[in-house]
Full PDB file with SEQRES, HELIX, SHEET, SSBOND, CRYST1, ORIGX, SCALE, CONECT and MASTER records, all heavy atoms in Angstrom:
SEQRES   1 A   40  ASP PHE ASP LEU ASP CYS PHE SER ILE LYS GLY PRO ASP          
SEQRES   2 A   40  ASP CYS CYS ARG ILE ALA TRP PRO PRO GLU ILE MET ILE          
SEQRES   3 A   40  ASP LEU PHE GLU ARG GLU SER ASP CYS GLY LEU SER SER          
SEQRES   4 A   40  THR                                                          
HELIX    1 AA1 LEU A    4  PHE A    7  5                                   4    
HELIX    2 AA2 PRO A   22  GLU A   30  1                                   9    
SHEET    1 AA1 2 SER A   8  LYS A  10  0                                        
SHEET    2 AA1 2 ARG A  17  ALA A  19 -1                                        
CRYST1    1.000    1.000    1.000  90.00  90.00  90.00 P 1           1          
ORIGX1      1.000000  0.000000  0.000000        0.00000                         
ORIGX2      0.000000  1.000000  0.000000        0.00000                         
ORIGX3      0.000000  0.000000  1.000000        0.00000                         
SCALE1      1.000000  0.000000  0.000000        0.00000                         
SCALE2      0.000000  1.000000  0.000000        0.00000                         
SCALE3      0.000000  0.000000  1.000000        0.00000                         
ATOM      1  N   ASP A   1       1.934  -3.305 -15.411  1.00  0.00           N  
ATOM      2  CA  ASP A   1       1.628  -1.875 -15.396  1.00  0.00           C  
ATOM      3  C   ASP A   1       1.231  -1.420 -13.994  1.00  0.00           C  
ATOM      4  O   ASP A   1       0.586  -2.165 -13.250  1.00  0.00           O  
ATOM      5  CB  ASP A   1       0.484  -1.604 -16.383  1.00  0.00           C  
ATOM      6  CG  ASP A   1      -0.037  -0.188 -16.291  1.00  0.00           C  
ATOM      7  OD1 ASP A   1       0.725   0.735 -16.628  1.00  0.00           O  
ATOM      8  OD2 ASP A   1      -1.204  -0.009 -15.879  1.00  0.00           O  
ATOM      9  N   PHE A   2       1.614  -0.183 -13.660  1.00  0.00           N  
ATOM     10  CA  PHE A   2       1.256   0.395 -12.362  1.00  0.00           C  
ATOM     11  C   PHE A   2       0.697   1.798 -12.559  1.00  0.00           C  
ATOM     12  O   PHE A   2       1.267   2.604 -13.296  1.00  0.00           O  
ATOM     13  CB  PHE A   2       2.488   0.491 -11.446  1.00  0.00           C  
ATOM     14  CG  PHE A   2       3.106  -0.831 -11.108  1.00  0.00           C  
ATOM     15  CD1 PHE A   2       4.114  -1.356 -11.912  1.00  0.00           C  
ATOM     16  CD2 PHE A   2       2.684  -1.549 -10.006  1.00  0.00           C  
ATOM     17  CE1 PHE A   2       4.690  -2.572 -11.614  1.00  0.00           C  
ATOM     18  CE2 PHE A   2       3.256  -2.772  -9.693  1.00  0.00           C  
ATOM     19  CZ  PHE A   2       4.260  -3.288 -10.502  1.00  0.00           C  
ATOM     20  N   ASP A   3      -0.420   2.064 -11.889  1.00  0.00           N  
ATOM     21  CA  ASP A   3      -0.903   3.425 -11.689  1.00  0.00           C  
ATOM     22  C   ASP A   3      -0.685   3.702 -10.208  1.00  0.00           C  
ATOM     23  O   ASP A   3      -1.241   2.999  -9.350  1.00  0.00           O  
ATOM     24  CB  ASP A   3      -2.386   3.526 -12.055  1.00  0.00           C  
ATOM     25  CG  ASP A   3      -2.921   4.945 -11.953  1.00  0.00           C  
ATOM     26  OD1 ASP A   3      -2.447   5.699 -11.080  1.00  0.00           O  
ATOM     27  OD2 ASP A   3      -3.837   5.295 -12.711  1.00  0.00           O  
ATOM     28  N   LEU A   4       0.122   4.702  -9.876  1.00  0.00           N  
ATOM     29  CA  LEU A   4       0.527   4.896  -8.485  1.00  0.00           C  
ATOM     30  C   LEU A   4      -0.632   5.246  -7.570  1.00  0.00           C  
ATOM     31  O   LEU A   4      -0.510   5.123  -6.349  1.00  0.00           O  
ATOM     32  CB  LEU A   4       1.624   5.960  -8.404  1.00  0.00           C  
ATOM     33  CG  LEU A   4       2.925   5.607  -9.134  1.00  0.00           C  
ATOM     34  CD1 LEU A   4       3.997   6.659  -8.825  1.00  0.00           C  
ATOM     35  CD2 LEU A   4       3.430   4.214  -8.772  1.00  0.00           C  
ATOM     36  N   ASP A   5      -1.783   5.662  -8.132  1.00  0.00           N  
ATOM     37  CA  ASP A   5      -2.925   5.933  -7.251  1.00  0.00           C  
ATOM     38  C   ASP A   5      -3.461   4.657  -6.610  1.00  0.00           C  
ATOM     39  O   ASP A   5      -4.254   4.712  -5.672  1.00  0.00           O  
ATOM     40  CB  ASP A   5      -4.031   6.699  -7.980  1.00  0.00           C  
ATOM     41  CG  ASP A   5      -4.770   5.881  -9.035  1.00  0.00           C  
ATOM     42  OD1 ASP A   5      -4.643   4.647  -9.070  1.00  0.00           O  
ATOM     43  OD2 ASP A   5      -5.498   6.500  -9.844  1.00  0.00           O  
ATOM     44  N   CYS A   6      -3.004   3.504  -7.098  1.00  0.00           N  
ATOM     45  CA  CYS A   6      -3.392   2.232  -6.479  1.00  0.00           C  
ATOM     46  C   CYS A   6      -2.932   2.172  -5.027  1.00  0.00           C  
ATOM     47  O   CYS A   6      -3.521   1.457  -4.210  1.00  0.00           O  
ATOM     48  CB  CYS A   6      -2.777   1.077  -7.264  1.00  0.00           C  
ATOM     49  SG  CYS A   6      -3.357  -0.564  -6.778  1.00  0.00           S  
ATOM     50  N   PHE A   7      -1.895   2.955  -4.707  1.00  0.00           N  
ATOM     51  CA  PHE A   7      -1.296   2.914  -3.379  1.00  0.00           C  
ATOM     52  C   PHE A   7      -1.478   4.253  -2.665  1.00  0.00           C  
ATOM     53  O   PHE A   7      -0.581   4.737  -1.964  1.00  0.00           O  
ATOM     54  CB  PHE A   7       0.178   2.541  -3.492  1.00  0.00           C  
ATOM     55  CG  PHE A   7       0.413   1.351  -4.372  1.00  0.00           C  
ATOM     56  CD1 PHE A   7       1.028   1.485  -5.612  1.00  0.00           C  
ATOM     57  CD2 PHE A   7      -0.030   0.092  -3.989  1.00  0.00           C  
ATOM     58  CE1 PHE A   7       1.225   0.384  -6.437  1.00  0.00           C  
ATOM     59  CE2 PHE A   7       0.155  -1.014  -4.809  1.00  0.00           C  
ATOM     60  CZ  PHE A   7       0.784  -0.866  -6.040  1.00  0.00           C  
ATOM     61  N   SER A   8      -2.667   4.859  -2.848  1.00  0.00           N  
ATOM     62  CA  SER A   8      -3.014   6.105  -2.167  1.00  0.00           C  
ATOM     63  C   SER A   8      -4.355   5.939  -1.471  1.00  0.00           C  
ATOM     64  O   SER A   8      -5.133   5.044  -1.790  1.00  0.00           O  
ATOM     65  CB  SER A   8      -3.081   7.266  -3.168  1.00  0.00           C  
ATOM     66  OG  SER A   8      -4.194   7.114  -4.044  1.00  0.00           O  
ATOM     67  N   ILE A   9      -4.621   6.816  -0.513  1.00  0.00           N  
ATOM     68  CA  ILE A   9      -5.881   6.797   0.232  1.00  0.00           C  
ATOM     69  C   ILE A   9      -6.374   8.232   0.383  1.00  0.00           C  
ATOM     70  O   ILE A   9      -5.634   9.196   0.172  1.00  0.00           O  
ATOM     71  CB  ILE A   9      -5.713   6.169   1.634  1.00  0.00           C  
ATOM     72  CG1 ILE A   9      -4.642   6.930   2.437  1.00  0.00           C  
ATOM     73  CG2 ILE A   9      -5.378   4.692   1.534  1.00  0.00           C  
ATOM     74  CD1 ILE A   9      -4.508   6.477   3.877  1.00  0.00           C  
ATOM     75  N   LYS A  10      -7.638   8.373   0.770  1.00  0.00           N  
ATOM     76  CA  LYS A  10      -8.182   9.693   1.034  1.00  0.00           C  
ATOM     77  C   LYS A  10      -7.497  10.287   2.261  1.00  0.00           C  
ATOM     78  O   LYS A  10      -7.270   9.607   3.254  1.00  0.00           O  
ATOM     79  CB  LYS A  10      -9.692   9.620   1.267  1.00  0.00           C  
ATOM     80  CG  LYS A  10     -10.485   9.313   0.010  1.00  0.00           C  
ATOM     81  CD  LYS A  10     -11.981   9.314   0.301  1.00  0.00           C  
ATOM     82  CE  LYS A  10     -12.777   9.021  -0.971  1.00  0.00           C  
ATOM     83  NZ  LYS A  10     -14.244   9.012  -0.690  1.00  0.00           N  
ATOM     84  N   GLY A  11      -7.188  11.582   2.179  1.00  0.00           N  
ATOM     85  CA  GLY A  11      -6.553  12.270   3.287  1.00  0.00           C  
ATOM     86  C   GLY A  11      -7.523  12.529   4.426  1.00  0.00           C  
ATOM     87  O   GLY A  11      -8.728  12.297   4.300  1.00  0.00           O  
ATOM     88  N   PRO A  12      -7.041  13.024   5.547  1.00  0.00           N  
ATOM     89  CA  PRO A  12      -7.884  13.237   6.730  1.00  0.00           C  
ATOM     90  C   PRO A  12      -9.066  14.174   6.488  1.00  0.00           C  
ATOM     91  O   PRO A  12     -10.117  14.015   7.091  1.00  0.00           O  
ATOM     92  CB  PRO A  12      -6.898  13.845   7.750  1.00  0.00           C  
ATOM     93  CG  PRO A  12      -5.557  13.383   7.299  1.00  0.00           C  
ATOM     94  CD  PRO A  12      -5.624  13.325   5.807  1.00  0.00           C  
ATOM     95  N   ASP A  13      -8.892  15.164   5.589  1.00  0.00           N  
ATOM     96  CA  ASP A  13      -9.993  16.097   5.355  1.00  0.00           C  
ATOM     97  C   ASP A  13     -10.924  15.611   4.251  1.00  0.00           C  
ATOM     98  O   ASP A  13     -11.860  16.307   3.867  1.00  0.00           O  
ATOM     99  CB  ASP A  13      -9.462  17.490   5.013  1.00  0.00           C  
ATOM    100  CG  ASP A  13      -8.522  17.469   3.818  1.00  0.00           C  
ATOM    101  OD1 ASP A  13      -8.346  16.382   3.228  1.00  0.00           O  
ATOM    102  OD2 ASP A  13      -7.974  18.533   3.476  1.00  0.00           O  
ATOM    103  N   ASP A  14     -10.660  14.426   3.707  1.00  0.00           N  
ATOM    104  CA  ASP A  14     -11.514  13.772   2.716  1.00  0.00           C  
ATOM    105  C   ASP A  14     -11.603  14.567   1.409  1.00  0.00           C  
ATOM    106  O   ASP A  14     -12.499  14.336   0.608  1.00  0.00           O  
ATOM    107  CB  ASP A  14     -12.921  13.545   3.280  1.00  0.00           C  
ATOM    108  CG  ASP A  14     -13.621  12.361   2.606  1.00  0.00           C  
ATOM    109  OD1 ASP A  14     -12.916  11.418   2.221  1.00  0.00           O  
ATOM    110  OD2 ASP A  14     -14.852  12.396   2.464  1.00  0.00           O  
ATOM    111  N   CYS A  15     -10.680  15.519   1.201  1.00  0.00           N  
ATOM    112  CA  CYS A  15     -10.742  16.289  -0.043  1.00  0.00           C  
ATOM    113  C   CYS A  15      -9.470  16.129  -0.872  1.00  0.00           C  
ATOM    114  O   CYS A  15      -9.340  16.759  -1.915  1.00  0.00           O  
ATOM    115  CB  CYS A  15     -10.984  17.764   0.262  1.00  0.00           C  
ATOM    116  SG  CYS A  15      -9.598  18.576   1.074  1.00  0.00           S  
ATOM    117  N   CYS A  16      -8.547  15.321  -0.401  1.00  0.00           N  
ATOM    118  CA  CYS A  16      -7.337  15.075  -1.172  1.00  0.00           C  
ATOM    119  C   CYS A  16      -6.908  13.638  -0.913  1.00  0.00           C  
ATOM    120  O   CYS A  16      -7.470  12.946  -0.074  1.00  0.00           O  
ATOM    121  CB  CYS A  16      -6.221  16.046  -0.792  1.00  0.00           C  
ATOM    122  SG  CYS A  16      -5.621  15.827   0.899  1.00  0.00           S  
ATOM    123  N   ARG A  17      -5.880  13.194  -1.637  1.00  0.00           N  
ATOM    124  CA  ARG A  17      -5.362  11.851  -1.438  1.00  0.00           C  
ATOM    125  C   ARG A  17      -3.928  11.952  -0.946  1.00  0.00           C  
ATOM    126  O   ARG A  17      -3.214  12.921  -1.239  1.00  0.00           O  
ATOM    127  CB  ARG A  17      -5.436  11.040  -2.736  1.00  0.00           C  
ATOM    128  CG  ARG A  17      -6.850  10.882  -3.264  1.00  0.00           C  
ATOM    129  CD  ARG A  17      -6.914   9.792  -4.319  1.00  0.00           C  
ATOM    130  NE  ARG A  17      -6.685   8.471  -3.766  1.00  0.00           N  
ATOM    131  CZ  ARG A  17      -7.619   7.732  -3.159  1.00  0.00           C  
ATOM    132  NH1 ARG A  17      -8.843   8.203  -3.013  1.00  0.00           N  
ATOM    133  NH2 ARG A  17      -7.341   6.528  -2.703  1.00  0.00           N  
ATOM    134  N   ILE A  18      -3.501  10.942  -0.219  1.00  0.00           N  
ATOM    135  CA  ILE A  18      -2.128  10.887   0.267  1.00  0.00           C  
ATOM    136  C   ILE A  18      -1.572   9.490   0.011  1.00  0.00           C  
ATOM    137  O   ILE A  18      -2.312   8.521  -0.148  1.00  0.00           O  
ATOM    138  CB  ILE A  18      -2.030  11.209   1.775  1.00  0.00           C  
ATOM    139  CG1 ILE A  18      -2.886  10.225   2.588  1.00  0.00           C  
ATOM    140  CG2 ILE A  18      -2.456  12.648   2.046  1.00  0.00           C  
ATOM    141  CD1 ILE A  18      -2.758  10.416   4.092  1.00  0.00           C  
ATOM    142  N   ALA A  19      -0.247   9.405  -0.049  1.00  0.00           N  
ATOM    143  CA  ALA A  19       0.426   8.129  -0.279  1.00  0.00           C  
ATOM    144  C   ALA A  19       0.264   7.203   0.916  1.00  0.00           C  
ATOM    145  O   ALA A  19       0.198   7.647   2.066  1.00  0.00           O  
ATOM    146  CB  ALA A  19       1.904   8.364  -0.557  1.00  0.00           C  
ATOM    147  N   TRP A  20       0.200   5.903   0.635  1.00  0.00           N  
ATOM    148  CA  TRP A  20       0.323   4.959   1.736  1.00  0.00           C  
ATOM    149  C   TRP A  20       1.670   5.217   2.425  1.00  0.00           C  
ATOM    150  O   TRP A  20       2.687   5.412   1.748  1.00  0.00           O  
ATOM    151  CB  TRP A  20       0.343   3.524   1.213  1.00  0.00           C  
ATOM    152  CG  TRP A  20      -0.969   2.998   0.696  1.00  0.00           C  
ATOM    153  CD1 TRP A  20      -2.137   3.675   0.563  1.00  0.00           C  
ATOM    154  CD2 TRP A  20      -1.208   1.675   0.238  1.00  0.00           C  
ATOM    155  NE1 TRP A  20      -3.102   2.863   0.047  1.00  0.00           N  
ATOM    156  CE2 TRP A  20      -2.564   1.626  -0.166  1.00  0.00           C  
ATOM    157  CE3 TRP A  20      -0.438   0.531   0.112  1.00  0.00           C  
ATOM    158  CZ2 TRP A  20      -3.146   0.465  -0.678  1.00  0.00           C  
ATOM    159  CZ3 TRP A  20      -1.001  -0.625  -0.402  1.00  0.00           C  
ATOM    160  CH2 TRP A  20      -2.344  -0.653  -0.776  1.00  0.00           C  
ATOM    161  N   PRO A  21       1.714   5.212   3.745  1.00  0.00           N  
ATOM    162  CA  PRO A  21       3.012   5.340   4.418  1.00  0.00           C  
ATOM    163  C   PRO A  21       3.958   4.246   3.928  1.00  0.00           C  
ATOM    164  O   PRO A  21       3.574   3.070   3.858  1.00  0.00           O  
ATOM    165  CB  PRO A  21       2.657   5.157   5.895  1.00  0.00           C  
ATOM    166  CG  PRO A  21       1.223   5.584   5.983  1.00  0.00           C  
ATOM    167  CD  PRO A  21       0.593   5.142   4.698  1.00  0.00           C  
ATOM    168  N   PRO A  22       5.195   4.600   3.565  1.00  0.00           N  
ATOM    169  CA  PRO A  22       6.111   3.607   2.994  1.00  0.00           C  
ATOM    170  C   PRO A  22       6.292   2.359   3.847  1.00  0.00           C  
ATOM    171  O   PRO A  22       6.318   1.239   3.323  1.00  0.00           O  
ATOM    172  CB  PRO A  22       7.427   4.391   2.864  1.00  0.00           C  
ATOM    173  CG  PRO A  22       6.991   5.803   2.690  1.00  0.00           C  
ATOM    174  CD  PRO A  22       5.773   5.960   3.559  1.00  0.00           C  
ATOM    175  N   GLU A  23       6.389   2.538   5.172  1.00  0.00           N  
ATOM    176  CA  GLU A  23       6.629   1.369   6.017  1.00  0.00           C  
ATOM    177  C   GLU A  23       5.438   0.408   5.990  1.00  0.00           C  
ATOM    178  O   GLU A  23       5.601  -0.815   6.078  1.00  0.00           O  
ATOM    179  CB  GLU A  23       6.946   1.797   7.455  1.00  0.00           C  
ATOM    180  CG  GLU A  23       5.841   2.568   8.165  1.00  0.00           C  
ATOM    181  CD  GLU A  23       5.846   4.053   7.885  1.00  0.00           C  
ATOM    182  OE1 GLU A  23       6.563   4.477   6.946  1.00  0.00           O  
ATOM    183  OE2 GLU A  23       5.135   4.782   8.603  1.00  0.00           O  
ATOM    184  N   ILE A  24       4.219   0.958   5.838  1.00  0.00           N  
ATOM    185  CA  ILE A  24       3.035   0.107   5.768  1.00  0.00           C  
ATOM    186  C   ILE A  24       2.972  -0.613   4.426  1.00  0.00           C  
ATOM    187  O   ILE A  24       2.694  -1.817   4.351  1.00  0.00           O  
ATOM    188  CB  ILE A  24       1.761   0.933   6.016  1.00  0.00           C  
ATOM    189  CG1 ILE A  24       1.726   1.415   7.468  1.00  0.00           C  
ATOM    190  CG2 ILE A  24       0.501   0.119   5.685  1.00  0.00           C  
ATOM    191  CD1 ILE A  24       0.535   2.296   7.801  1.00  0.00           C  
ATOM    192  N   MET A  25       3.243   0.114   3.342  1.00  0.00           N  
ATOM    193  CA  MET A  25       3.220  -0.485   2.011  1.00  0.00           C  
ATOM    194  C   MET A  25       4.255  -1.598   1.896  1.00  0.00           C  
ATOM    195  O   MET A  25       3.964  -2.687   1.381  1.00  0.00           O  
ATOM    196  CB  MET A  25       3.475   0.597   0.962  1.00  0.00           C  
ATOM    197  CG  MET A  25       3.414   0.110  -0.475  1.00  0.00           C  
ATOM    198  SD  MET A  25       3.481   1.505  -1.634  1.00  0.00           S  
ATOM    199  CE  MET A  25       3.759   0.638  -3.184  1.00  0.00           C  
ATOM    200  N   ILE A  26       5.446  -1.355   2.412  1.00  0.00           N  
ATOM    201  CA  ILE A  26       6.498  -2.375   2.364  1.00  0.00           C  
ATOM    202  C   ILE A  26       6.112  -3.583   3.205  1.00  0.00           C  
ATOM    203  O   ILE A  26       6.311  -4.737   2.798  1.00  0.00           O  
ATOM    204  CB  ILE A  26       7.837  -1.775   2.824  1.00  0.00           C  
ATOM    205  CG1 ILE A  26       8.341  -0.765   1.781  1.00  0.00           C  
ATOM    206  CG2 ILE A  26       8.876  -2.872   3.058  1.00  0.00           C  
ATOM    207  CD1 ILE A  26       9.506   0.061   2.244  1.00  0.00           C  
ATOM    208  N   ASP A  27       5.541  -3.341   4.387  1.00  0.00           N  
ATOM    209  CA  ASP A  27       5.124  -4.449   5.250  1.00  0.00           C  
ATOM    210  C   ASP A  27       4.068  -5.313   4.570  1.00  0.00           C  
ATOM    211  O   ASP A  27       4.134  -6.544   4.627  1.00  0.00           O  
ATOM    212  CB  ASP A  27       4.582  -3.914   6.573  1.00  0.00           C  
ATOM    213  CG  ASP A  27       4.082  -5.030   7.471  1.00  0.00           C  
ATOM    214  OD1 ASP A  27       4.921  -5.812   7.966  1.00  0.00           O  
ATOM    215  OD2 ASP A  27       2.846  -5.145   7.655  1.00  0.00           O  
ATOM    216  N   LEU A  28       3.101  -4.676   3.894  1.00  0.00           N  
ATOM    217  CA  LEU A  28       2.044  -5.426   3.215  1.00  0.00           C  
ATOM    218  C   LEU A  28       2.619  -6.296   2.098  1.00  0.00           C  
ATOM    219  O   LEU A  28       2.226  -7.451   1.926  1.00  0.00           O  
ATOM    220  CB  LEU A  28       0.996  -4.475   2.650  1.00  0.00           C  
ATOM    221  CG  LEU A  28       0.060  -3.824   3.668  1.00  0.00           C  
ATOM    222  CD1 LEU A  28      -0.722  -2.686   3.029  1.00  0.00           C  
ATOM    223  CD2 LEU A  28      -0.899  -4.853   4.258  1.00  0.00           C  
ATOM    224  N   PHE A  29       3.575  -5.758   1.347  1.00  0.00           N  
ATOM    225  CA  PHE A  29       4.160  -6.520   0.245  1.00  0.00           C  
ATOM    226  C   PHE A  29       5.088  -7.621   0.742  1.00  0.00           C  
ATOM    227  O   PHE A  29       5.157  -8.691   0.131  1.00  0.00           O  
ATOM    228  CB  PHE A  29       4.920  -5.579  -0.693  1.00  0.00           C  
ATOM    229  CG  PHE A  29       4.072  -5.047  -1.820  1.00  0.00           C  
ATOM    230  CD1 PHE A  29       3.400  -3.840  -1.684  1.00  0.00           C  
ATOM    231  CD2 PHE A  29       3.943  -5.750  -3.006  1.00  0.00           C  
ATOM    232  CE1 PHE A  29       2.622  -3.346  -2.716  1.00  0.00           C  
ATOM    233  CE2 PHE A  29       3.165  -5.270  -4.043  1.00  0.00           C  
ATOM    234  CZ  PHE A  29       2.495  -4.055  -3.903  1.00  0.00           C  
ATOM    235  N   GLU A  30       5.797  -7.367   1.826  1.00  0.00           N  
ATOM    236  CA  GLU A  30       6.790  -8.347   2.276  1.00  0.00           C  
ATOM    237  C   GLU A  30       6.223  -9.379   3.245  1.00  0.00           C  
ATOM    238  O   GLU A  30       6.875 -10.382   3.528  1.00  0.00           O  
ATOM    239  CB  GLU A  30       7.970  -7.614   2.916  1.00  0.00           C  
ATOM    240  CG  GLU A  30       8.743  -6.765   1.911  1.00  0.00           C  
ATOM    241  CD  GLU A  30      10.001  -6.140   2.490  1.00  0.00           C  
ATOM    242  OE1 GLU A  30      10.172  -6.227   3.728  1.00  0.00           O  
ATOM    243  OE2 GLU A  30      10.788  -5.579   1.717  1.00  0.00           O  
ATOM    244  N   ARG A  31       5.021  -9.155   3.720  1.00  0.00           N  
ATOM    245  CA  ARG A  31       4.398 -10.103   4.647  1.00  0.00           C  
ATOM    246  C   ARG A  31       4.072 -11.402   3.917  1.00  0.00           C  
ATOM    247  O   ARG A  31       3.445 -11.408   2.858  1.00  0.00           O  
ATOM    248  CB  ARG A  31       3.115  -9.488   5.209  1.00  0.00           C  
ATOM    249  CG  ARG A  31       2.439 -10.316   6.293  1.00  0.00           C  
ATOM    250  CD  ARG A  31       1.162  -9.631   6.723  1.00  0.00           C  
ATOM    251  NE  ARG A  31       1.391  -8.267   7.202  1.00  0.00           N  
ATOM    252  CZ  ARG A  31       0.424  -7.372   7.393  1.00  0.00           C  
ATOM    253  NH1 ARG A  31      -0.825  -7.695   7.123  1.00  0.00           N  
ATOM    254  NH2 ARG A  31       0.722  -6.159   7.832  1.00  0.00           N  
ATOM    255  N   GLU A  32       4.490 -12.528   4.465  1.00  0.00           N  
ATOM    256  CA  GLU A  32       4.231 -13.822   3.834  1.00  0.00           C  
ATOM    257  C   GLU A  32       2.778 -14.232   4.019  1.00  0.00           C  
ATOM    258  O   GLU A  32       2.196 -14.040   5.092  1.00  0.00           O  
ATOM    259  CB  GLU A  32       5.140 -14.902   4.418  1.00  0.00           C  
ATOM    260  CG  GLU A  32       6.601 -14.762   4.026  1.00  0.00           C  
ATOM    261  CD  GLU A  32       7.427 -15.938   4.517  1.00  0.00           C  
ATOM    262  OE1 GLU A  32       6.875 -16.786   5.265  1.00  0.00           O  
ATOM    263  OE2 GLU A  32       8.612 -16.008   4.153  1.00  0.00           O  
ATOM    264  N   SER A  33       2.189 -14.811   2.965  1.00  0.00           N  
ATOM    265  CA  SER A  33       0.861 -15.398   3.088  1.00  0.00           C  
ATOM    266  C   SER A  33       0.985 -16.753   3.768  1.00  0.00           C  
ATOM    267  O   SER A  33       2.090 -17.206   4.090  1.00  0.00           O  
ATOM    268  CB  SER A  33       0.231 -15.567   1.701  1.00  0.00           C  
ATOM    269  OG  SER A  33       0.972 -16.493   0.931  1.00  0.00           O  
ATOM    270  N   ASP A  34      -0.137 -17.432   3.978  1.00  0.00           N  
ATOM    271  CA  ASP A  34      -0.103 -18.717   4.681  1.00  0.00           C  
ATOM    272  C   ASP A  34       0.665 -19.783   3.909  1.00  0.00           C  
ATOM    273  O   ASP A  34       1.076 -20.790   4.473  1.00  0.00           O  
ATOM    274  CB  ASP A  34      -1.534 -19.199   4.963  1.00  0.00           C  
ATOM    275  CG  ASP A  34      -2.327 -19.403   3.696  1.00  0.00           C  
ATOM    276  OD1 ASP A  34      -2.306 -18.517   2.829  1.00  0.00           O  
ATOM    277  OD2 ASP A  34      -2.982 -20.449   3.567  1.00  0.00           O  
ATOM    278  N   CYS A  35       0.889 -19.559   2.609  1.00  0.00           N  
ATOM    279  CA  CYS A  35       1.638 -20.529   1.806  1.00  0.00           C  
ATOM    280  C   CYS A  35       3.138 -20.224   1.809  1.00  0.00           C  
ATOM    281  O   CYS A  35       3.925 -20.971   1.210  1.00  0.00           O  
ATOM    282  CB  CYS A  35       1.115 -20.548   0.375  1.00  0.00           C  
ATOM    283  SG  CYS A  35       1.388 -19.007  -0.515  1.00  0.00           S  
ATOM    284  N   GLY A  36       3.532 -19.137   2.471  1.00  0.00           N  
ATOM    285  CA  GLY A  36       4.942 -18.781   2.552  1.00  0.00           C  
ATOM    286  C   GLY A  36       5.419 -17.852   1.456  1.00  0.00           C  
ATOM    287  O   GLY A  36       6.606 -17.503   1.411  1.00  0.00           O  
ATOM    288  N   LEU A  37       4.513 -17.436   0.569  1.00  0.00           N  
ATOM    289  CA  LEU A  37       4.875 -16.558  -0.534  1.00  0.00           C  
ATOM    290  C   LEU A  37       4.434 -15.132  -0.226  1.00  0.00           C  
ATOM    291  O   LEU A  37       3.279 -14.894   0.132  1.00  0.00           O  
ATOM    292  CB  LEU A  37       4.200 -17.034  -1.825  1.00  0.00           C  
ATOM    293  CG  LEU A  37       4.590 -16.291  -3.106  1.00  0.00           C  
ATOM    294  CD1 LEU A  37       6.025 -16.597  -3.491  1.00  0.00           C  
ATOM    295  CD2 LEU A  37       3.642 -16.668  -4.241  1.00  0.00           C  
ATOM    296  N   SER A  38       5.346 -14.183  -0.356  1.00  0.00           N  
ATOM    297  CA  SER A  38       4.993 -12.787  -0.130  1.00  0.00           C  
ATOM    298  C   SER A  38       4.560 -12.131  -1.440  1.00  0.00           C  
ATOM    299  O   SER A  38       4.862 -12.625  -2.534  1.00  0.00           O  
ATOM    300  CB  SER A  38       6.185 -12.026   0.455  1.00  0.00           C  
ATOM    301  OG  SER A  38       7.198 -11.862  -0.530  1.00  0.00           O  
ATOM    302  N   SER A  39       3.889 -10.998  -1.324  1.00  0.00           N  
ATOM    303  CA  SER A  39       3.486 -10.253  -2.510  1.00  0.00           C  
ATOM    304  C   SER A  39       4.705  -9.742  -3.265  1.00  0.00           C  
ATOM    305  O   SER A  39       4.696  -9.673  -4.500  1.00  0.00           O  
ATOM    306  CB  SER A  39       2.589  -9.085  -2.113  1.00  0.00           C  
ATOM    307  OG  SER A  39       1.388  -9.546  -1.524  1.00  0.00           O  
ATOM    308  N   THR A  40       5.773  -9.384  -2.549  1.00  0.00           N  
ATOM    309  CA  THR A  40       7.002  -8.952  -3.209  1.00  0.00           C  
ATOM    310  C   THR A  40       7.576 -10.060  -4.066  1.00  0.00           C  
ATOM    311  O   THR A  40       7.987  -9.842  -5.218  1.00  0.00           O  
ATOM    312  CB  THR A  40       8.045  -8.505  -2.165  1.00  0.00           C  
ATOM    313  OG1 THR A  40       7.577  -7.327  -1.506  1.00  0.00           O  
ATOM    314  CG2 THR A  40       9.385  -8.208  -2.819  1.00  0.00           C  
TER     315      THR A  40                                                      
MASTER        0    0    0    2    2    0    0    6  314    1    0    4          
END                                                                             
């Protein structure tokens, strides 16, 4: 199950939320851990 707010952060004015930038979210998921396994 996914709730998409899991991948959001507070916006610059601290009164709204914005999506994680796609390139950052993809990098975090595709980055290999020390065991060689990525989150993707």
